[in-house]
Amino acid sequence: MTSDFSLGLHELGDQCFAYLQPDGSWGWSNAGLVVGDGQSLLVDTLFDLNLTRAMLDAMAAHTAAAPVDSLVNTHANGDHCYGNSEVRVRWSEVDIVASAACAEEMPHTPPSMLHALNQAPGEVGDLFRSFFGEFDFDGIELELPTTTFSGRHALDVGGRRVDLIEVGPAHTDGDVLVHVPDAKTVYTGDILFIGGTPIVWAGPLSNWVAACDLMLEMDVDTVVPGHGPLTDKAGVREVRDYLAFVDTEAAGRQAAGIDAFDAARDIGAALAADERFSSWGEFGRIAVNVDTVYRSLDPQHTTPDVVEQFRRMAELESATPGHP
């Protein structure tokens, strides 16, 4: 599927919209809008208040007659929920919906933490500014979900059924797909990165593969990823292939007693030589993904702290000249 990957609101048909943010790399996430009779559903907010404000302004022509009644956070990462408070400014009674696992995880990385890391002196600050320096986290108060669920949950959006399907833990603890059956459309949150490398913070990878299999079984034509351009089932298959490959390769190296970071270097070299994945951005995420496989297989495995994880990702990307 080819599409226009430009900043702004894109009409998908059947009163469904995607808000896209190139280039889809760290923090540059997508969101969605489903318009019903007299009310709308917003799928995710953005990484800071200014970005979210601009998105809501772009949606205003559609939400004027159909105000946002519900906001679904697909998962707990800040680039999909830090803008919640800006939605509450416009629609004070909006119901913020998420999986129970997402709601529990969301406070673990508050905006104040990323603001402090971006402001930190020395190497730590330089490291985090290289990932998140374009975003303004100062003064953001995180608005937490008001309705939570586990498994599946159906919403009525102005006479339209929207199905929320929990598929985590995978990318995070409580990932949710947002399926709009009458439009044959699914909003995936970060269960899909298109043109960029998936990052598996929670795992196991097998859960994420199962989520891809579920989407491949759905009657959908349009797939809105959490990052990157619009896609279809071909994009789902590519992500599934990547995850299955990493899971198998990392498990083999774990069984052989190879250090997790050494395994990531080795598997990363294989991925860089594979035409299916060699053009994807954020190549260094293989360090986190392999570590997650090791942790899934061995509960005694010690995962590095977040600063070290980002340092390893940066190291791998700097060590691969010419890679996106």
Protein backbone atom coordinates (compact mmCIF):
# COMPACT_ATOMS: atom_id res chain seq x y z
CA MET A 1 0.00 0.00 0.00
CA THR A 2 1.38 3.41 -0.94
CA SER A 3 0.25 6.55 0.82
CA ASP A 4 1.11 10.17 1.39
CA PHE A 5 3.28 10.26 4.51
CA SER A 6 2.97 13.96 5.20
CA LEU A 7 2.31 15.84 8.42
CA GLY A 8 -1.34 16.33 9.23
CA LEU A 9 -4.80 14.83 9.05
CA HIS A 10 -5.47 12.22 6.38
CA GLU A 11 -8.96 11.03 5.47
CA LEU A 12 -9.23 7.25 5.25
CA GLY A 13 -12.88 7.10 4.19
CA ASP A 14 -16.00 6.16 6.16
CA GLN A 15 -15.39 9.11 8.52
CA CYS A 16 -12.12 7.70 9.81
CA PHE A 17 -8.96 9.79 9.88
CA ALA A 18 -5.28 9.38 10.69
CA TYR A 19 -3.02 12.13 11.99
CA LEU A 20 0.50 11.37 10.77
CA GLN A 21 3.85 12.76 11.96
CA PRO A 22 6.87 12.16 9.72
CA ASP A 23 9.43 10.80 9.97
CA GLY A 24 7.93 8.31 12.40
CA SER A 25 11.12 7.95 14.43
CA TRP A 26 11.51 8.41 18.20
CA GLY A 27 8.49 10.34 19.53
CA TRP A 28 6.97 11.14 16.13
CA SER A 29 3.82 9.09 16.56
CA ASN A 30 0.47 8.83 14.78
CA ALA A 31 -3.05 9.22 16.14
CA GLY A 32 -6.57 8.73 14.82
CA LEU A 33 -10.12 10.06 14.79
CA VAL A 34 -13.34 8.08 14.31
CA VAL A 35 -16.40 10.30 13.71
CA GLY A 36 -19.90 9.10 14.51
CA ASP A 37 -23.29 10.78 14.70
CA GLY A 38 -22.73 13.74 17.03
CA GLN A 39 -19.64 12.36 18.75
CA SER A 40 -16.12 11.25 17.96
CA LEU A 41 -13.46 8.92 19.31
CA LEU A 42 -9.82 10.04 19.47
CA VAL A 43 -7.15 7.36 19.26
CA ASP A 44 -4.08 8.52 21.22
CA THR A 45 -2.55 11.92 21.88
CA LEU A 46 0.95 13.12 21.06
CA PHE A 47 4.24 13.58 22.90
CA ASP A 48 3.75 17.13 24.14
CA LEU A 49 1.00 19.69 24.52
CA ASN A 50 2.00 21.84 21.55
CA LEU A 51 1.92 18.90 19.16
CA THR A 52 -1.41 17.71 20.55
CA ARG A 53 -2.87 21.20 20.31
CA ALA A 54 -1.90 21.42 16.62
CA MET A 55 -3.47 18.01 15.98
CA LEU A 56 -6.75 18.93 17.65
CA ASP A 57 -6.83 22.16 15.64
CA ALA A 58 -6.45 20.12 12.45
CA MET A 59 -9.39 17.95 13.51
CA ALA A 60 -11.64 20.88 14.47
CA ALA A 61 -13.66 20.89 11.24
CA HIS A 62 -14.81 17.35 12.07
CA THR A 63 -15.14 17.61 15.84
CA ALA A 64 -17.16 20.86 15.81
CA ALA A 65 -20.37 18.92 15.11
CA ALA A 66 -19.11 15.68 16.66
CA PRO A 67 -17.13 16.51 19.83
CA VAL A 68 -14.63 14.02 21.19
CA ASP A 69 -16.50 11.94 23.74
CA SER A 70 -13.91 9.19 24.25
CA LEU A 71 -10.13 9.05 24.04
CA VAL A 72 -8.40 5.67 23.79
CA ASN A 73 -4.75 5.41 24.79
CA THR A 74 -3.39 2.38 22.96
CA HIS A 75 -0.51 2.02 25.43
CA ALA A 76 1.48 3.81 28.11
CA ASN A 77 4.36 5.38 26.14
CA GLY A 78 4.32 9.16 26.44
CA ASP A 79 4.16 9.83 22.71
CA HIS A 80 0.67 8.28 22.81
CA CYS A 81 -0.65 9.80 26.05
CA TYR A 82 1.27 12.88 27.26
CA GLY A 83 -1.20 15.13 25.41
CA ASN A 84 -4.25 13.81 27.29
CA SER A 85 -4.59 16.96 29.37
CA GLU A 86 -4.93 19.09 26.24
CA VAL A 87 -7.94 17.00 25.20
CA ARG A 88 -9.46 17.61 28.64
CA VAL A 89 -9.01 21.36 28.13
CA ARG A 90 -11.31 21.18 25.10
CA TRP A 91 -13.72 18.48 26.24
CA SER A 92 -13.70 18.37 30.03
CA GLU A 93 -15.98 15.33 30.25
CA VAL A 94 -14.03 13.15 27.81
CA ASP A 95 -13.73 9.53 28.94
CA ILE A 96 -10.11 8.31 28.72
CA VAL A 97 -10.14 4.58 28.02
CA ALA A 98 -7.22 2.14 28.23
CA SER A 99 -6.42 -1.38 29.27
CA ALA A 100 -5.97 -1.87 32.99
CA ALA A 101 -2.34 -2.84 32.40
CA CYS A 102 -1.75 0.37 30.44
CA ALA A 103 -3.30 2.48 33.20
CA GLU A 104 -1.05 0.82 35.78
CA GLU A 105 2.08 1.34 33.68
CA MET A 106 1.41 4.93 32.58
CA PRO A 107 2.63 6.71 35.77
CA HIS A 108 5.95 4.82 35.70
CA THR A 109 7.47 7.27 33.19
CA PRO A 110 5.95 10.68 33.93
CA PRO A 111 6.64 13.70 31.70
CA SER A 112 8.75 15.20 34.50
CA MET A 113 11.20 12.29 34.17
CA LEU A 114 11.81 12.90 30.47
CA HIS A 115 12.05 16.64 31.09
CA ALA A 116 14.75 16.00 33.70
CA LEU A 117 16.66 13.66 31.38
CA ASN A 118 16.53 16.20 28.55
CA GLN A 119 17.86 18.86 30.95
CA ALA A 120 20.55 16.65 32.49
CA PRO A 121 24.16 17.81 32.15
CA GLY A 122 26.93 15.87 30.50
CA GLU A 123 26.69 12.62 28.60
CA VAL A 124 23.27 11.59 29.95
CA GLY A 125 21.64 14.82 28.80
CA ASP A 126 23.40 14.67 25.43
CA LEU A 127 22.20 11.09 24.99
CA PHE A 128 18.56 11.79 25.73
CA ARG A 129 18.49 15.04 23.77
CA SER A 130 19.69 13.07 20.76
CA PHE A 131 16.48 11.01 21.04
CA PHE A 132 13.94 13.46 22.52
CA GLY A 133 15.42 16.95 22.31
CA GLU A 134 12.74 18.22 19.92
CA PHE A 135 9.93 17.73 22.45
CA ASP A 136 8.85 19.99 25.31
CA PHE A 137 7.92 18.00 28.42
CA ASP A 138 8.03 20.94 30.83
CA GLY A 139 4.87 21.39 32.89
CA ILE A 140 2.88 18.49 31.45
CA GLU A 141 0.47 16.95 33.97
CA LEU A 142 -0.40 13.42 32.94
CA GLU A 143 -4.13 12.67 32.71
CA LEU A 144 -4.72 9.01 33.55
CA PRO A 145 -7.47 6.76 32.15
CA THR A 146 -10.93 6.98 33.69
CA THR A 147 -12.23 3.70 32.22
CA THR A 148 -10.16 0.53 32.10
CA PHE A 149 -10.76 -2.98 30.81
CA SER A 150 -9.02 -6.29 30.25
CA GLY A 151 -9.40 -8.46 27.18
CA ARG A 152 -11.97 -6.82 24.91
CA HIS A 153 -14.19 -3.78 25.22
CA ALA A 154 -16.74 -2.31 22.78
CA LEU A 155 -17.52 1.39 22.45
CA ASP A 156 -20.47 3.06 20.75
CA VAL A 157 -19.27 6.14 18.88
CA GLY A 158 -22.36 7.95 17.65
CA GLY A 159 -23.97 4.72 16.49
CA ARG A 160 -20.73 3.08 15.31
CA ARG A 161 -19.21 0.08 17.04
CA VAL A 162 -15.51 0.31 17.82
CA ASP A 163 -13.78 -2.73 19.30
CA LEU A 164 -10.83 -2.40 21.67
CA ILE A 165 -8.70 -5.55 21.74
CA GLU A 166 -5.95 -6.01 24.32
CA VAL A 167 -2.92 -7.75 22.80
CA GLY A 168 -0.24 -6.93 25.39
CA PRO A 169 2.06 -7.49 27.02
CA ALA A 170 4.03 -7.02 23.82
CA HIS A 171 5.46 -3.59 22.97
CA THR A 172 4.38 -2.50 26.47
CA ASP A 173 2.41 -4.10 29.28
CA GLY A 174 -1.07 -3.23 27.99
CA ASP A 175 -1.15 -2.70 24.21
CA VAL A 176 -4.59 -2.28 22.58
CA LEU A 177 -5.78 -2.43 18.97
CA VAL A 178 -8.68 -0.16 17.96
CA HIS A 179 -10.79 -1.87 15.30
CA VAL A 180 -13.52 -0.06 13.35
CA PRO A 181 -15.37 -2.92 11.63
CA ASP A 182 -17.69 -0.86 9.44
CA ALA A 183 -14.68 0.97 7.95
CA LYS A 184 -12.43 -2.11 7.70
CA THR A 185 -9.82 -0.08 9.57
CA VAL A 186 -7.57 -0.83 12.53
CA TYR A 187 -5.47 1.61 14.56
CA THR A 188 -2.58 -0.41 15.95
CA GLY A 189 -0.73 1.87 18.33
CA ASP A 190 2.86 0.69 18.54
CA ILE A 191 2.03 -2.88 17.63
CA LEU A 192 3.14 -1.61 14.22
CA PHE A 193 6.11 0.54 13.28
CA ILE A 194 6.24 0.96 9.49
CA GLY A 195 9.62 1.89 8.04
CA GLY A 196 11.12 1.80 11.53
CA THR A 197 12.33 -1.00 13.77
CA PRO A 198 9.82 -2.22 16.38
CA ILE A 199 10.97 -1.97 19.98
CA VAL A 200 9.88 -4.64 22.45
CA TRP A 201 9.93 -3.07 25.90
CA ALA A 202 7.75 -5.73 27.57
CA GLY A 203 7.47 -8.88 25.49
CA PRO A 204 7.43 -11.76 25.04
CA LEU A 205 7.92 -11.43 21.29
CA SER A 206 5.54 -14.36 20.77
CA ASN A 207 2.67 -12.20 22.07
CA TRP A 208 3.48 -9.55 19.49
CA VAL A 209 3.63 -12.16 16.72
CA ALA A 210 0.21 -13.38 17.88
CA ALA A 211 -1.11 -9.80 17.66
CA CYS A 212 0.10 -9.60 14.07
CA ASP A 213 -1.59 -12.93 13.32
CA LEU A 214 -4.82 -11.56 14.78
CA MET A 215 -4.69 -8.52 12.49
CA LEU A 216 -3.98 -10.73 9.49
CA GLU A 217 -7.21 -12.61 10.28
CA MET A 218 -9.27 -9.40 10.51
CA ASP A 219 -11.43 -8.06 7.70
CA VAL A 220 -9.43 -4.84 7.34
CA ASP A 221 -8.11 -2.89 4.37
CA THR A 222 -6.54 0.11 6.12
CA VAL A 223 -3.99 -0.19 8.91
CA VAL A 224 -2.86 2.90 10.84
CA PRO A 225 0.46 2.21 12.59
CA GLY A 226 1.70 3.92 15.70
CA HIS A 227 4.65 5.25 13.71
CA GLY A 228 5.23 5.55 9.99
CA PRO A 229 3.03 5.71 6.88
CA LEU A 230 -0.35 4.05 6.45
CA THR A 231 -0.20 0.41 5.47
CA ASP A 232 -2.23 -2.74 4.92
CA LYS A 233 -1.73 -6.40 5.73
CA ALA A 234 1.57 -6.44 3.85
CA GLY A 235 3.01 -4.12 6.49
CA VAL A 236 1.68 -6.36 9.24
CA ARG A 237 3.43 -9.37 7.69
CA GLU A 238 6.76 -7.52 7.49
CA VAL A 239 6.67 -6.66 11.18
CA ARG A 240 5.64 -10.20 12.03
CA ASP A 241 8.58 -11.58 10.01
CA TYR A 242 11.03 -9.31 11.82
CA LEU A 243 9.78 -10.28 15.27
CA ALA A 244 9.73 -14.00 14.50
CA PHE A 245 13.28 -13.82 13.11
CA VAL A 246 14.64 -11.95 16.15
CA ASP A 247 12.84 -14.27 18.57
CA THR A 248 14.31 -17.39 16.97
CA GLU A 249 17.82 -16.01 16.55
CA ALA A 250 18.02 -14.57 20.06
CA ALA A 251 16.67 -17.74 21.66
CA GLY A 252 19.37 -19.77 19.95
CA ARG A 253 22.12 -17.50 21.21
CA GLN A 254 20.66 -17.42 24.71
CA ALA A 255 20.71 -21.22 24.79
CA ALA A 256 24.36 -21.13 23.68
CA GLY A 257 25.27 -18.82 26.58
CA ILE A 258 26.14 -15.80 24.45
CA ASP A 259 25.95 -12.39 26.14
CA ALA A 260 22.77 -10.51 25.21
CA PHE A 261 24.53 -7.42 23.83
CA ASP A 262 26.98 -9.56 21.85
CA ALA A 263 23.97 -11.44 20.46
CA ALA A 264 22.33 -8.13 19.51
CA ARG A 265 25.44 -7.08 17.58
CA ASP A 266 25.47 -10.41 15.76
CA ILE A 267 21.76 -10.44 14.93
CA GLY A 268 21.91 -6.77 13.99
CA ALA A 269 24.57 -7.56 11.40
CA ALA A 270 22.29 -10.21 9.90
CA LEU A 271 19.38 -7.78 9.80
CA ALA A 272 21.52 -5.12 8.13
CA ALA A 273 22.27 -7.61 5.36
CA ASP A 274 18.63 -8.63 4.92
CA GLU A 275 16.87 -6.59 2.23
CA ARG A 276 13.54 -6.97 4.06
CA PHE A 277 14.76 -4.96 7.04
CA SER A 278 17.98 -3.17 6.06
CA SER A 279 16.26 0.13 5.21
CA TRP A 280 14.34 0.41 8.47
CA GLY A 281 15.20 3.25 10.82
CA GLU A 282 16.08 2.98 14.51
CA PHE A 283 18.32 -0.01 13.82
CA GLY A 284 19.79 0.06 17.35
CA ARG A 285 16.51 -1.12 18.91
CA ILE A 286 17.75 -4.66 18.31
CA ALA A 287 19.67 -4.26 21.60
CA VAL A 288 16.43 -3.90 23.58
CA ASN A 289 14.64 -6.58 21.56
CA VAL A 290 17.28 -9.23 22.14
CA ASP A 291 17.49 -8.36 25.83
CA THR A 292 13.72 -8.82 26.07
CA VAL A 293 14.01 -12.31 24.56
CA TYR A 294 16.68 -13.18 27.11
CA ARG A 295 14.54 -11.86 29.97
CA SER A 296 11.50 -13.77 28.70
CA LEU A 297 13.48 -17.01 28.65
CA ASP A 298 15.33 -16.47 31.94
CA PRO A 299 13.60 -14.56 34.76
CA GLN A 300 17.01 -14.20 36.43
CA HIS A 301 18.41 -12.23 33.49
CA THR A 302 19.33 -8.69 34.50
CA THR A 303 18.12 -6.02 32.10
CA PRO A 304 20.23 -2.84 31.98
CA ASP A 305 18.73 0.37 33.32
CA VAL A 306 17.06 2.76 30.89
CA VAL A 307 20.13 4.97 30.45
CA GLU A 308 22.27 1.97 29.51
CA GLN A 309 19.58 0.69 27.13
CA PHE A 310 19.56 3.99 25.25
CA ARG A 311 23.37 4.11 25.28
CA ARG A 312 23.52 0.65 23.69
CA MET A 313 21.01 1.60 21.00
CA ALA A 314 23.01 4.71 20.17
CA GLU A 315 26.24 2.69 20.09
CA LEU A 316 24.86 0.16 17.63
CA GLU A 317 23.55 2.87 15.30
CA SER A 318 26.82 4.80 15.35
CA ALA A 319 28.71 1.58 14.62
CA THR A 320 26.73 0.91 11.43
CA PRO A 321 27.78 3.58 8.91
CA GLY A 322 25.22 4.35 6.23
CA HIS A 323 22.38 2.71 8.11
CA PRO A 324 19.26 4.84 8.58
